[in-house]
Amino acid sequence: MFDGFGGDYYSMTNLRGKNILITGGARGIGRLLARKTVAEGAHAILWDIDAEGVRSLAAALEAEGGRATAQQCDVSDREAVKAAARSVLEELGPVDILINNAGVVSGRPILDASDDDIKRTFDINTLAHFWTTRGFLPSMIERDSGHIVTIASAGGLVGAPRLTDYSASKFAAVGFDESLRLELKRQGSKVKTTLVCPFYSDTGMFEGVKTRFSWLLPILDPDYVATQTVKAIKKNRRRLFMPRFIYVAPPLRLLPVPIFDALVGFFGVTRSMDDFEGR
């Protein structure tokens, strides 16, 4: 029996005792996901380039009676991911759930973004998904059990000015999840996937963004995003868009381009980054 959004009520996942690896675990949504999964009895394995940040969080979670392990890892560095993945598998055992959460935004028009800005966006928001998945998927397939979660964005469904690199990287993340899901299904694998596409959330990463209709497209509370993501993982939902209004984005693409653009403008998406400051 399905819940209407790609979840299966009859295959709820209990997170207790599970190894859950979270990239970008030192702050923002990643930090909240760590706290919430540990509260469910999981062992959170936290990766972040901010070594002090993840170690401090892991120590705090352990002091509170949870189980957490911190590792410094730059997910944009393919070789560093390979080495860190080997370390996890050898020292901590198989990863049950991989949450590809790490992300960055430059928030600049395409001609103002530097070459390094653009490359960094794709290295972290897109290519890192490949390196982490290639590091842990083989053991998941071998056990015929596992779950790969892609934290993308509503910006991976609808583009906006000053988000050319960010939206392109998140569109790629959406395509990554879809292709991976179908690839695993074709192989007859029981490894699951979940795509998460939230609207802007108030983590500081998108400081200064605005919305025209806050009752329809609110700037999301990070705790809400993390809570709903954990629920989606437990329900094995294939797709989670937040808020629910985001579910209209794919059907809108059936409209002629001028009408689509006019609607995106009407809902304030094209001006949402006008006052962006970032973290």
C-alpha atoms as a PDB file:
ATOM      1  CA  MET A   1       0.000   0.000   0.000  1.00  0.00           C
ATOM      2  CA  PHE A   2       1.457   3.342  -1.058  1.00  0.00           C
ATOM      3  CA  ASP A   3       0.975   6.739   0.565  1.00  0.00           C
ATOM      4  CA  GLY A   4       0.448   8.667  -2.658  1.00  0.00           C
ATOM      5  CA  PHE A   5       3.940  10.181  -2.684  1.00  0.00           C
ATOM      6  CA  GLY A   6       5.987   7.098  -3.418  1.00  0.00           C
ATOM      7  CA  GLY A   7       6.109   5.725   0.130  1.00  0.00           C
ATOM      8  CA  ASP A   8       5.153   2.266   1.291  1.00  0.00           C
ATOM      9  CA  TYR A   9       3.342   1.998   4.611  1.00  0.00           C
ATOM     10  CA  TYR A  10       4.074  -1.722   4.801  1.00  0.00           C
ATOM     11  CA  SER A  11       7.851  -1.365   4.668  1.00  0.00           C
ATOM     12  CA  MET A  12       8.540   1.265   7.306  1.00  0.00           C
ATOM     13  CA  THR A  13      12.215   1.473   8.199  1.00  0.00           C
ATOM     14  CA  ASN A  14      13.306   1.428  11.818  1.00  0.00           C
ATOM     15  CA  LEU A  15      16.405   3.593  12.149  1.00  0.00           C
ATOM     16  CA  ARG A  16      17.575   2.041  15.426  1.00  0.00           C
ATOM     17  CA  GLY A  17      21.013   0.508  15.045  1.00  0.00           C
ATOM     18  CA  LYS A  18      21.417   1.734  11.469  1.00  0.00           C
ATOM     19  CA  ASN A  19      24.636   3.310  10.218  1.00  0.00           C
ATOM     20  CA  ILE A  20      23.559   6.603   8.621  1.00  0.00           C
ATOM     21  CA  LEU A  21      26.215   8.656   6.852  1.00  0.00           C
ATOM     22  CA  ILE A  22      25.425  12.351   6.429  1.00  0.00           C
ATOM     23  CA  THR A  23      27.555  14.646   4.289  1.00  0.00           C
ATOM     24  CA  GLY A  24      27.673  18.302   5.284  1.00  0.00           C
ATOM     25  CA  GLY A  25      26.918  17.191   8.826  1.00  0.00           C
ATOM     26  CA  ALA A  26      28.479  20.086  10.737  1.00  0.00           C
ATOM     27  CA  ARG A  27      25.750  22.671  10.252  1.00  0.00           C
ATOM     28  CA  GLY A  28      22.344  23.492   8.842  1.00  0.00           C
ATOM     29  CA  ILE A  29      20.078  20.671   7.713  1.00  0.00           C
ATOM     30  CA  GLY A  30      22.892  18.126   8.063  1.00  0.00           C
ATOM     31  CA  ARG A  31      23.361  18.956  11.737  1.00  0.00           C
ATOM     32  CA  LEU A  32      19.629  18.645  12.368  1.00  0.00           C
ATOM     33  CA  LEU A  33      19.468  15.347  10.485  1.00  0.00           C
ATOM     34  CA  ALA A  34      22.269  14.051  12.685  1.00  0.00           C
ATOM     35  CA  ARG A  35      20.404  14.972  15.852  1.00  0.00           C
ATOM     36  CA  LYS A  36      17.110  13.523  14.669  1.00  0.00           C
ATOM     37  CA  THR A  37      18.521  10.230  13.395  1.00  0.00           C
ATOM     38  CA  VAL A  38      20.571   9.726  16.572  1.00  0.00           C
ATOM     39  CA  ALA A  39      17.397  10.378  18.574  1.00  0.00           C
ATOM     40  CA  GLU A  40      15.849   7.495  16.609  1.00  0.00           C
ATOM     41  CA  GLY A  41      18.666   5.215  17.787  1.00  0.00           C
ATOM     42  CA  ALA A  42      20.838   5.398  14.680  1.00  0.00           C
ATOM     43  CA  HIS A  43      24.609   5.719  14.541  1.00  0.00           C
ATOM     44  CA  ALA A  44      25.299   8.979  12.698  1.00  0.00           C
ATOM     45  CA  ILE A  45      28.515   9.078  10.705  1.00  0.00           C
ATOM     46  CA  LEU A  46      29.196  12.738  10.027  1.00  0.00           C
ATOM     47  CA  TRP A  47      31.292  13.980   7.144  1.00  0.00           C
ATOM     48  CA  ASP A  48      32.209  17.610   6.683  1.00  0.00           C
ATOM     49  CA  ILE A  49      35.180  19.680   5.572  1.00  0.00           C
ATOM     50  CA  ASP A  50      34.774  21.473   8.926  1.00  0.00           C
ATOM     51  CA  ALA A  51      36.615  19.010  11.159  1.00  0.00           C
ATOM     52  CA  GLU A  52      36.061  20.958  14.354  1.00  0.00           C
ATOM     53  CA  GLY A  53      32.361  21.347  13.622  1.00  0.00           C
ATOM     54  CA  VAL A  54      31.627  17.645  13.097  1.00  0.00           C
ATOM     55  CA  ARG A  55      33.846  16.550  15.983  1.00  0.00           C
ATOM     56  CA  SER A  56      32.113  18.966  18.326  1.00  0.00           C
ATOM     57  CA  LEU A  57      28.674  17.761  17.213  1.00  0.00           C
ATOM     58  CA  ALA A  58      29.636  14.083  17.482  1.00  0.00           C
ATOM     59  CA  ALA A  59      31.035  14.656  20.968  1.00  0.00           C
ATOM     60  CA  ALA A  60      27.828  16.430  22.026  1.00  0.00           C
ATOM     61  CA  LEU A  61      25.641  13.633  20.667  1.00  0.00           C
ATOM     62  CA  GLU A  62      27.754  11.017  22.448  1.00  0.00           C
ATOM     63  CA  ALA A  63      27.567  12.987  25.687  1.00  0.00           C
ATOM     64  CA  GLU A  64      23.774  12.960  25.364  1.00  0.00           C
ATOM     65  CA  GLY A  65      23.777   9.182  25.130  1.00  0.00           C
ATOM     66  CA  GLY A  66      23.685   8.828  21.359  1.00  0.00           C
ATOM     67  CA  ARG A  67      26.153   7.283  18.971  1.00  0.00           C
ATOM     68  CA  ALA A  68      27.998   9.429  16.454  1.00  0.00           C
ATOM     69  CA  THR A  69      31.309   9.349  14.591  1.00  0.00           C
ATOM     70  CA  ALA A  70      32.950  12.364  12.966  1.00  0.00           C
ATOM     71  CA  GLN A  71      35.260  12.321   9.970  1.00  0.00           C
ATOM     72  CA  GLN A  72      36.721  15.268   8.136  1.00  0.00           C
ATOM     73  CA  CYS A  73      36.067  14.802   4.444  1.00  0.00           C
ATOM     74  CA  ASP A  74      36.002  17.205   1.521  1.00  0.00           C
ATOM     75  CA  VAL A  75      33.319  15.592  -0.643  1.00  0.00           C
ATOM     76  CA  SER A  76      34.488  17.589  -3.660  1.00  0.00           C
ATOM     77  CA  ASP A  77      37.758  15.611  -3.524  1.00  0.00           C
ATOM     78  CA  ARG A  78      37.169  12.276  -5.250  1.00  0.00           C
ATOM     79  CA  GLU A  79      40.229  10.594  -3.757  1.00  0.00           C
ATOM     80  CA  ALA A  80      39.408  11.867  -0.258  1.00  0.00           C
ATOM     81  CA  VAL A  81      35.909  10.378  -0.560  1.00  0.00           C
ATOM     82  CA  LYS A  82      37.312   7.039  -1.703  1.00  0.00           C
ATOM     83  CA  ALA A  83      39.704   6.911   1.246  1.00  0.00           C
ATOM     84  CA  ALA A  84      37.059   7.998   3.764  1.00  0.00           C
ATOM     85  CA  ALA A  85      34.560   5.461   2.408  1.00  0.00           C
ATOM     86  CA  ARG A  86      37.099   2.642   2.760  1.00  0.00           C
ATOM     87  CA  SER A  87      37.784   3.774   6.324  1.00  0.00           C
ATOM     88  CA  VAL A  88      34.095   3.733   7.222  1.00  0.00           C
ATOM     89  CA  LEU A  89      33.495   0.289   5.742  1.00  0.00           C
ATOM     90  CA  GLU A  90      36.561  -1.191   7.420  1.00  0.00           C
ATOM     91  CA  GLU A  91      36.116   0.418  10.841  1.00  0.00           C
ATOM     92  CA  LEU A  92      32.362   0.929  11.228  1.00  0.00           C
ATOM     93  CA  GLY A  93      30.795  -1.597   8.895  1.00  0.00           C
ATOM     94  CA  PRO A  94      28.290  -1.173   6.070  1.00  0.00           C
ATOM     95  CA  VAL A  95      26.394   2.083   5.644  1.00  0.00           C
ATOM     96  CA  ASP A  96      22.652   1.463   5.721  1.00  0.00           C
ATOM     97  CA  ILE A  97      21.548   4.956   4.701  1.00  0.00           C
ATOM     98  CA  LEU A  98      23.618   7.512   2.792  1.00  0.00           C
ATOM     99  CA  ILE A  99      22.300  11.078   2.930  1.00  0.00           C
ATOM    100  CA  ASN A 100      23.981  13.260   0.315  1.00  0.00           C
ATOM    101  CA  ASN A 101      23.278  16.586   1.981  1.00  0.00           C
ATOM    102  CA  ALA A 102      26.379  18.771   1.463  1.00  0.00           C
ATOM    103  CA  GLY A 103      25.674  21.797  -0.709  1.00  0.00           C
ATOM    104  CA  VAL A 104      26.865  25.297  -1.582  1.00  0.00           C
ATOM    105  CA  VAL A 105      25.476  28.344  -3.368  1.00  0.00           C
ATOM    106  CA  SER A 106      27.321  31.291  -4.921  1.00  0.00           C
ATOM    107  CA  GLY A 107      24.210  33.373  -5.679  1.00  0.00           C
ATOM    108  CA  ARG A 108      25.825  35.363  -8.482  1.00  0.00           C
ATOM    109  CA  PRO A 109      24.704  36.068 -12.063  1.00  0.00           C
ATOM    110  CA  ILE A 110      26.474  33.812 -14.529  1.00  0.00           C
ATOM    111  CA  LEU A 111      28.916  36.503 -15.710  1.00  0.00           C
ATOM    112  CA  ASP A 112      29.764  37.526 -12.134  1.00  0.00           C
ATOM    113  CA  ALA A 113      30.458  34.011 -10.861  1.00  0.00           C
ATOM    114  CA  SER A 114      34.099  33.039 -11.061  1.00  0.00           C
ATOM    115  CA  ASP A 115      35.281  29.861 -12.758  1.00  0.00           C
ATOM    116  CA  ASP A 116      36.141  28.507  -9.318  1.00  0.00           C
ATOM    117  CA  ASP A 117      32.652  29.361  -8.001  1.00  0.00           C
ATOM    118  CA  ILE A 118      31.001  27.383 -10.781  1.00  0.00           C
ATOM    119  CA  LYS A 119      33.335  24.413 -10.492  1.00  0.00           C
ATOM    120  CA  ARG A 120      32.936  24.293  -6.700  1.00  0.00           C
ATOM    121  CA  THR A 121      29.140  24.316  -7.035  1.00  0.00           C
ATOM    122  CA  PHE A 122      29.167  21.286  -9.314  1.00  0.00           C
ATOM    123  CA  ASP A 123      31.906  19.505  -7.381  1.00  0.00           C
ATOM    124  CA  ILE A 124      29.886  19.629  -4.158  1.00  0.00           C
ATOM    125  CA  ASN A 125      26.261  19.730  -5.308  1.00  0.00           C
ATOM    126  CA  THR A 126      26.536  17.141  -8.078  1.00  0.00           C
ATOM    127  CA  LEU A 127      29.765  15.207  -8.489  1.00  0.00           C
ATOM    128  CA  ALA A 128      30.062  14.443  -4.773  1.00  0.00           C
ATOM    129  CA  HIS A 129      26.880  12.357  -5.098  1.00  0.00           C
ATOM    130  CA  PHE A 130      28.689  10.139  -7.578  1.00  0.00           C
ATOM    131  CA  TRP A 131      31.779   9.682  -5.430  1.00  0.00           C
ATOM    132  CA  THR A 132      29.891   8.886  -2.215  1.00  0.00           C
ATOM    133  CA  THR A 133      27.409   6.596  -3.957  1.00  0.00           C
ATOM    134  CA  ARG A 134      30.179   4.727  -5.755  1.00  0.00           C
ATOM    135  CA  GLY A 135      31.896   4.356  -2.384  1.00  0.00           C
ATOM    136  CA  PHE A 136      28.945   2.743  -0.583  1.00  0.00           C
ATOM    137  CA  LEU A 137      26.558   1.351  -3.219  1.00  0.00           C
ATOM    138  CA  PRO A 138      28.592  -1.819  -3.943  1.00  0.00           C
ATOM    139  CA  SER A 139      28.229  -3.036  -0.356  1.00  0.00           C
ATOM    140  CA  MET A 140      24.529  -2.120  -0.408  1.00  0.00           C
ATOM    141  CA  ILE A 141      23.990  -4.142  -3.582  1.00  0.00           C
ATOM    142  CA  GLU A 142      25.963  -7.038  -2.132  1.00  0.00           C
ATOM    143  CA  ARG A 143      23.683  -7.059   0.941  1.00  0.00           C
ATOM    144  CA  ASP A 144      20.633  -6.190  -1.209  1.00  0.00           C
ATOM    145  CA  SER A 145      19.790  -3.562   1.371  1.00  0.00           C
ATOM    146  CA  GLY A 146      20.398   0.154   1.687  1.00  0.00           C
ATOM    147  CA  HIS A 147      19.006   3.610   1.033  1.00  0.00           C
ATOM    148  CA  ILE A 148      20.505   6.557  -0.837  1.00  0.00           C
ATOM    149  CA  VAL A 149      18.991   9.971  -0.107  1.00  0.00           C
ATOM    150  CA  THR A 150      19.605  12.897  -2.446  1.00  0.00           C
ATOM    151  CA  ILE A 151      19.055  16.324  -0.915  1.00  0.00           C
ATOM    152  CA  ALA A 152      18.412  18.424  -4.012  1.00  0.00           C
ATOM    153  CA  SER A 153      16.264  21.567  -4.083  1.00  0.00           C
ATOM    154  CA  ALA A 154      13.162  23.169  -5.537  1.00  0.00           C
ATOM    155  CA  GLY A 155      15.850  24.992  -7.523  1.00  0.00           C
ATOM    156  CA  GLY A 156      16.406  21.646  -9.250  1.00  0.00           C
ATOM    157  CA  LEU A 157      12.856  21.820 -10.601  1.00  0.00           C
ATOM    158  CA  VAL A 158      12.552  25.517 -11.484  1.00  0.00           C
ATOM    159  CA  GLY A 159      15.447  27.850 -12.224  1.00  0.00           C
ATOM    160  CA  ALA A 160      15.832  31.461 -11.113  1.00  0.00           C
ATOM    161  CA  PRO A 161      18.124  34.424 -11.827  1.00  0.00           C
ATOM    162  CA  ARG A 162      21.427  34.322  -9.892  1.00  0.00           C
ATOM    163  CA  LEU A 163      21.086  30.558  -9.574  1.00  0.00           C
ATOM    164  CA  THR A 164      22.403  29.369 -12.930  1.00  0.00           C
ATOM    165  CA  ASP A 165      25.170  27.232 -11.431  1.00  0.00           C
ATOM    166  CA  TYR A 166      23.162  26.212  -8.357  1.00  0.00           C
ATOM    167  CA  SER A 167      19.997  25.274 -10.269  1.00  0.00           C
ATOM    168  CA  ALA A 168      21.962  23.450 -12.951  1.00  0.00           C
ATOM    169  CA  SER A 169      23.763  21.441 -10.267  1.00  0.00           C
ATOM    170  CA  LYS A 170      20.480  20.623  -8.531  1.00  0.00           C
ATOM    171  CA  PHE A 171      18.716  19.727 -11.795  1.00  0.00           C
ATOM    172  CA  ALA A 172      21.616  17.292 -12.226  1.00  0.00           C
ATOM    173  CA  ALA A 173      21.035  15.936  -8.715  1.00  0.00           C
ATOM    174  CA  VAL A 174      17.372  15.331  -9.556  1.00  0.00           C
ATOM    175  CA  GLY A 175      18.403  13.476 -12.705  1.00  0.00           C
ATOM    176  CA  PHE A 176      20.973  11.530 -10.707  1.00  0.00           C
ATOM    177  CA  ASP A 177      18.310  10.283  -8.299  1.00  0.00           C
ATOM    178  CA  GLU A 178      15.873   9.388 -11.071  1.00  0.00           C
ATOM    179  CA  SER A 179      18.398   7.483 -13.159  1.00  0.00           C
ATOM    180  CA  LEU A 180      19.817   5.705 -10.103  1.00  0.00           C
ATOM    181  CA  ARG A 181      16.333   4.682  -8.977  1.00  0.00           C
ATOM    182  CA  LEU A 182      15.501   3.205 -12.378  1.00  0.00           C
ATOM    183  CA  GLU A 183      18.927   1.594 -12.676  1.00  0.00           C
ATOM    184  CA  LEU A 184      18.495  -0.195  -9.343  1.00  0.00           C
ATOM    185  CA  LYS A 185      14.957  -1.241 -10.281  1.00  0.00           C
ATOM    186  CA  ARG A 186      16.200  -2.641 -13.588  1.00  0.00           C
ATOM    187  CA  GLN A 187      18.770  -4.692 -11.661  1.00  0.00           C
ATOM    188  CA  GLY A 188      16.105  -6.041  -9.319  1.00  0.00           C
ATOM    189  CA  SER A 189      17.891  -4.462  -6.339  1.00  0.00           C
ATOM    190  CA  LYS A 190      16.139  -3.732  -3.055  1.00  0.00           C
ATOM    191  CA  VAL A 191      18.332  -0.668  -2.452  1.00  0.00           C
ATOM    192  CA  LYS A 192      15.999   2.325  -2.093  1.00  0.00           C
ATOM    193  CA  THR A 193      16.346   5.956  -3.103  1.00  0.00           C
ATOM    194  CA  THR A 194      14.703   9.165  -1.886  1.00  0.00           C
ATOM    195  CA  LEU A 195      14.785  12.588  -3.546  1.00  0.00           C
ATOM    196  CA  VAL A 196      14.267  15.643  -1.317  1.00  0.00           C
ATOM    197  CA  CYS A 197      13.522  19.028  -2.914  1.00  0.00           C
ATOM    198  CA  PRO A 198      12.849  21.797  -0.384  1.00  0.00           C
ATOM    199  CA  PHE A 199      12.167  25.457  -1.154  1.00  0.00           C
ATOM    200  CA  TYR A 200      14.546  27.967   0.460  1.00  0.00           C
ATOM    201  CA  SER A 201      15.166  27.151   4.128  1.00  0.00           C
ATOM    202  CA  ASP A 202      16.283  29.505   6.868  1.00  0.00           C
ATOM    203  CA  THR A 203      19.719  28.004   7.562  1.00  0.00           C
ATOM    204  CA  GLY A 204      21.705  31.133   6.683  1.00  0.00           C
ATOM    205  CA  MET A 205      22.878  29.610   3.407  1.00  0.00           C
ATOM    206  CA  PHE A 206      20.210  31.627   1.583  1.00  0.00           C
ATOM    207  CA  GLU A 207      20.243  34.680   3.818  1.00  0.00           C
ATOM    208  CA  GLY A 208      18.298  37.533   2.220  1.00  0.00           C
ATOM    209  CA  VAL A 209      16.081  35.493  -0.111  1.00  0.00           C
ATOM    210  CA  LYS A 210      12.424  36.432  -0.189  1.00  0.00           C
ATOM    211  CA  THR A 211       9.095  34.984  -1.211  1.00  0.00           C
ATOM    212  CA  ARG A 212       6.042  36.784  -2.588  1.00  0.00           C
ATOM    213  CA  PHE A 213       3.393  34.505  -1.113  1.00  0.00           C
ATOM    214  CA  SER A 214       4.651  33.225   2.218  1.00  0.00           C
ATOM    215  CA  TRP A 215       1.441  31.253   2.812  1.00  0.00           C
ATOM    216  CA  LEU A 216       2.051  29.319  -0.407  1.00  0.00           C
ATOM    217  CA  LEU A 217       5.855  29.284  -0.686  1.00  0.00           C
ATOM    218  CA  PRO A 218       7.184  29.920   2.816  1.00  0.00           C
ATOM    219  CA  ILE A 219      10.855  30.201   3.662  1.00  0.00           C
ATOM    220  CA  LEU A 220      11.114  26.852   5.420  1.00  0.00           C
ATOM    221  CA  ASP A 221      12.067  26.209   9.024  1.00  0.00           C
ATOM    222  CA  PRO A 222      15.197  23.975   8.907  1.00  0.00           C
ATOM    223  CA  ASP A 223      13.837  21.808  11.717  1.00  0.00           C
ATOM    224  CA  TYR A 224      10.718  21.151   9.643  1.00  0.00           C
ATOM    225  CA  VAL A 225      12.835  20.181   6.627  1.00  0.00           C
ATOM    226  CA  ALA A 226      14.917  17.760   8.698  1.00  0.00           C
ATOM    227  CA  THR A 227      11.862  16.274  10.413  1.00  0.00           C
ATOM    228  CA  GLN A 228      10.039  15.664   7.144  1.00  0.00           C
ATOM    229  CA  THR A 229      13.177  14.203   5.572  1.00  0.00           C
ATOM    230  CA  VAL A 230      13.585  11.687   8.384  1.00  0.00           C
ATOM    231  CA  LYS A 231       9.900  10.761   8.078  1.00  0.00           C
ATOM    232  CA  ALA A 232      10.317  10.266   4.334  1.00  0.00           C
ATOM    233  CA  ILE A 233      13.304   7.984   4.899  1.00  0.00           C
ATOM    234  CA  LYS A 234      11.400   5.901   7.447  1.00  0.00           C
ATOM    235  CA  LYS A 235       8.410   5.622   5.083  1.00  0.00           C
ATOM    236  CA  ASN A 236      10.699   4.799   2.147  1.00  0.00           C
ATOM    237  CA  ARG A 237       9.190   7.629   0.127  1.00  0.00           C
ATOM    238  CA  ARG A 238      10.713   8.014  -3.292  1.00  0.00           C
ATOM    239  CA  ARG A 239      10.135  11.758  -3.442  1.00  0.00           C
ATOM    240  CA  LEU A 240       9.631  14.612  -0.991  1.00  0.00           C
ATOM    241  CA  PHE A 241       8.937  18.185  -2.143  1.00  0.00           C
ATOM    242  CA  MET A 242       8.496  20.980   0.420  1.00  0.00           C
ATOM    243  CA  PRO A 243       6.151  22.801   0.684  1.00  0.00           C
ATOM    244  CA  ARG A 244       3.471  20.760  -1.070  1.00  0.00           C
ATOM    245  CA  PHE A 245       2.943  23.525  -3.625  1.00  0.00           C
ATOM    246  CA  ILE A 246       6.272  22.480  -5.176  1.00  0.00           C
ATOM    247  CA  TYR A 247       4.532  19.378  -6.536  1.00  0.00           C
ATOM    248  CA  VAL A 248       2.924  21.601  -9.204  1.00  0.00           C
ATOM    249  CA  ALA A 249       6.353  22.465 -10.667  1.00  0.00           C
ATOM    250  CA  PRO A 250       6.778  19.420 -12.966  1.00  0.00           C
ATOM    251  CA  PRO A 251       3.277  19.702 -14.521  1.00  0.00           C
ATOM    252  CA  LEU A 252       3.866  23.413 -15.182  1.00  0.00           C
ATOM    253  CA  ARG A 253       6.541  22.418 -17.688  1.00  0.00           C
ATOM    254  CA  LEU A 254       3.794  21.167 -19.992  1.00  0.00           C
ATOM    255  CA  LEU A 255       2.757  24.793 -20.546  1.00  0.00           C
ATOM    256  CA  PRO A 256       4.177  26.975 -23.333  1.00  0.00           C
ATOM    257  CA  VAL A 257       7.385  28.702 -22.245  1.00  0.00           C
ATOM    258  CA  PRO A 258       5.937  32.264 -22.150  1.00  0.00           C
ATOM    259  CA  ILE A 259       3.122  31.109 -19.852  1.00  0.00           C
ATOM    260  CA  PHE A 260       5.519  29.116 -17.678  1.00  0.00           C
ATOM    261  CA  ASP A 261       7.827  32.125 -17.346  1.00  0.00           C
ATOM    262  CA  ALA A 262       4.900  34.419 -16.539  1.00  0.00           C
ATOM    263  CA  LEU A 263       3.693  32.110 -13.769  1.00  0.00           C
ATOM    264  CA  VAL A 264       7.179  31.759 -12.292  1.00  0.00           C
ATOM    265  CA  GLY A 265       7.373  35.547 -12.253  1.00  0.00           C
ATOM    266  CA  PHE A 266       3.891  35.893 -10.739  1.00  0.00           C
ATOM    267  CA  PHE A 267       4.802  33.616  -7.832  1.00  0.00           C
ATOM    268  CA  GLY A 268       7.903  35.713  -7.193  1.00  0.00           C
ATOM    269  CA  VAL A 269      10.504  33.083  -8.056  1.00  0.00           C
ATOM    270  CA  THR A 270      12.358  35.290 -10.540  1.00  0.00           C
ATOM    271  CA  ARG A 271      12.907  37.987  -7.885  1.00  0.00           C
ATOM    272  CA  SER A 272      13.513  35.691  -4.931  1.00  0.00           C
ATOM    273  CA  MET A 273      17.316  36.166  -5.044  1.00  0.00           C
ATOM    274  CA  ASP A 274      17.310  39.950  -5.522  1.00  0.00           C
ATOM    275  CA  ASP A 275      18.418  40.657  -1.938  1.00  0.00           C
ATOM    276  CA  PHE A 276      20.479  37.517  -1.449  1.00  0.00           C
ATOM    277  CA  GLU A 277      23.411  37.867   0.945  1.00  0.00           C
ATOM    278  CA  GLY A 278      24.284  34.260   1.736  1.00  0.00           C
ATOM    279  CA  ARG A 279      26.043  32.903   4.754  1.00  0.00           C
END
